[in-house]
Amino acid sequence: MGGGPIGSELAQAFSRLGAKVYVVASKLMPKEDKGVREVMEKVFANEGIEVVGGRASDAQMKGNKVIVTTDTGKTVEVDHLLVSAGRRPNVESLRLENAKVKYNTKGIMVDGRL
């Protein structure tokens, strides 16, 4: 699950190692330009990686399989599930205001010299 750069890189690595890979993502490489996405979709198709559109809304075990369902109603049955859903900074718990460190929802704010 996850079509960002890390999920895409791992998908390609596992595919090249012989696994059948499905990428469950609403958009492959969502922060990249449209041209990058189009190239990656072609590369993945040529390498046998199937992009399943939609966000994962449910994942359940059924015997030794994992059934992933997307918010578009598509399902995929797999042996293993790798989640690469991105990350967000957790700066609120650090009490940075006590050290007069400026931050926002994207993380610690820095100047040109970091």
Protein backbone atom coordinates (compact mmCIF):
# COMPACT_ATOMS: atom_id res chain seq x y z
CA MET A 1 0.00 0.00 0.00
CA GLY A 2 1.36 3.39 -1.00
CA GLY A 3 2.48 4.72 -4.36
CA GLY A 4 5.03 7.31 -3.27
CA PRO A 5 8.76 7.08 -3.99
CA ILE A 6 9.56 4.59 -1.22
CA GLY A 7 6.59 2.32 -1.96
CA SER A 8 7.37 2.45 -5.68
CA GLU A 9 11.04 1.66 -5.14
CA LEU A 10 10.21 -1.30 -2.92
CA ALA A 11 7.56 -2.51 -5.37
CA GLN A 12 10.10 -2.51 -8.16
CA ALA A 13 12.73 -4.24 -6.02
CA PHE A 14 10.39 -7.04 -4.95
CA SER A 15 9.14 -7.44 -8.51
CA ARG A 16 12.69 -7.78 -9.81
CA LEU A 17 13.30 -10.41 -7.13
CA GLY A 18 10.45 -12.45 -8.59
CA ALA A 19 7.36 -11.48 -6.56
CA LYS A 20 4.03 -10.61 -8.15
CA VAL A 21 3.49 -7.02 -6.98
CA TYR A 22 0.37 -4.89 -6.73
CA VAL A 23 0.63 -1.22 -5.77
CA VAL A 24 -2.55 -0.03 -4.05
CA ALA A 25 -2.65 3.76 -4.33
CA SER A 26 -5.06 6.46 -5.36
CA LYS A 27 -2.26 7.93 -7.48
CA LEU A 28 1.20 6.61 -8.29
CA MET A 29 3.94 9.10 -7.31
CA PRO A 30 1.36 11.70 -6.17
CA LYS A 31 3.80 14.55 -5.53
CA GLU A 32 5.58 14.24 -8.88
CA ASP A 33 4.73 15.84 -12.21
CA LYS A 34 2.21 14.12 -14.46
CA GLY A 35 5.00 13.16 -16.87
CA VAL A 36 6.88 11.31 -14.14
CA ARG A 37 3.72 9.40 -13.18
CA GLU A 38 3.09 8.43 -16.80
CA VAL A 39 6.65 7.12 -17.23
CA MET A 40 6.47 5.16 -13.97
CA GLU A 41 3.11 3.64 -14.91
CA LYS A 42 4.61 2.42 -18.22
CA VAL A 43 7.73 1.07 -16.52
CA PHE A 44 5.63 -0.73 -13.92
CA ALA A 45 3.33 -2.19 -16.60
CA ASN A 46 6.38 -3.44 -18.56
CA GLU A 47 7.77 -5.04 -15.39
CA GLY A 48 4.46 -6.71 -14.49
CA ILE A 49 3.68 -4.47 -11.52
CA GLU A 50 -0.06 -3.86 -11.35
CA VAL A 51 -1.27 -0.52 -10.01
CA VAL A 52 -4.63 -0.92 -8.26
CA GLY A 53 -6.38 2.45 -8.13
CA GLY A 54 -7.90 3.74 -4.91
CA ARG A 55 -6.93 4.09 -1.28
CA ALA A 56 -6.88 0.97 0.84
CA SER A 57 -9.98 1.04 3.01
CA ASP A 58 -9.76 -2.45 4.52
CA ALA A 59 -7.29 -5.29 4.92
CA GLN A 60 -8.29 -8.65 6.38
CA MET A 61 -6.64 -12.01 6.82
CA LYS A 62 -8.34 -14.94 5.10
CA GLY A 63 -6.36 -18.05 5.91
CA ASN A 64 -2.79 -17.32 4.80
CA LYS A 65 -3.85 -14.51 2.45
CA VAL A 66 -4.44 -10.81 2.95
CA ILE A 67 -7.46 -9.33 1.21
CA VAL A 68 -7.07 -5.60 0.55
CA THR A 69 -10.13 -3.60 -0.45
CA THR A 70 -9.96 -0.07 -1.84
CA ASP A 71 -12.38 2.80 -1.45
CA THR A 72 -13.31 2.24 -5.11
CA GLY A 73 -14.45 -1.32 -4.35
CA LYS A 74 -11.49 -3.07 -5.97
CA THR A 75 -9.93 -5.97 -4.08
CA VAL A 76 -6.62 -7.74 -4.32
CA GLU A 77 -5.57 -10.98 -2.63
CA VAL A 78 -1.91 -11.24 -1.64
CA ASP A 79 0.46 -13.36 0.41
CA HIS A 80 2.18 -10.41 2.11
CA LEU A 81 1.36 -6.75 2.65
CA LEU A 82 3.89 -3.94 2.77
CA VAL A 83 2.59 -0.57 3.97
CA SER A 84 4.42 2.50 2.73
CA ALA A 85 1.84 5.14 3.54
CA GLY A 86 4.12 8.11 4.15
CA ARG A 87 4.99 9.89 7.32
CA ARG A 88 4.21 13.07 9.20
CA PRO A 89 6.31 14.86 11.80
CA ASN A 90 5.25 14.43 15.41
CA VAL A 91 6.66 17.67 16.75
CA GLU A 92 3.76 18.50 19.09
CA SER A 93 4.90 16.02 21.73
CA LEU A 94 8.42 17.51 21.88
CA ARG A 95 7.29 20.76 23.57
CA LEU A 96 9.48 22.76 21.20
CA GLU A 97 7.88 26.03 22.28
CA ASN A 98 9.76 25.65 25.60
CA ALA A 99 13.01 25.89 23.63
CA LYS A 100 11.59 28.66 21.41
CA VAL A 101 11.83 26.42 18.34
CA LYS A 102 9.38 27.44 15.63
CA TYR A 103 7.38 24.67 13.96
CA ASN A 104 4.21 24.07 11.98
CA THR A 105 2.30 21.05 10.68
CA LYS A 106 5.09 20.27 8.20
CA GLY A 107 7.80 20.14 10.85
CA ILE A 108 10.50 22.39 12.29
CA MET A 109 10.90 25.69 10.46
CA VAL A 110 14.47 26.49 9.41
CA ASP A 111 16.27 29.29 7.63
CA GLY A 112 18.68 29.05 4.68
CA ARG A 113 21.40 27.69 6.97
CA LEU A 114 19.03 25.11 8.55
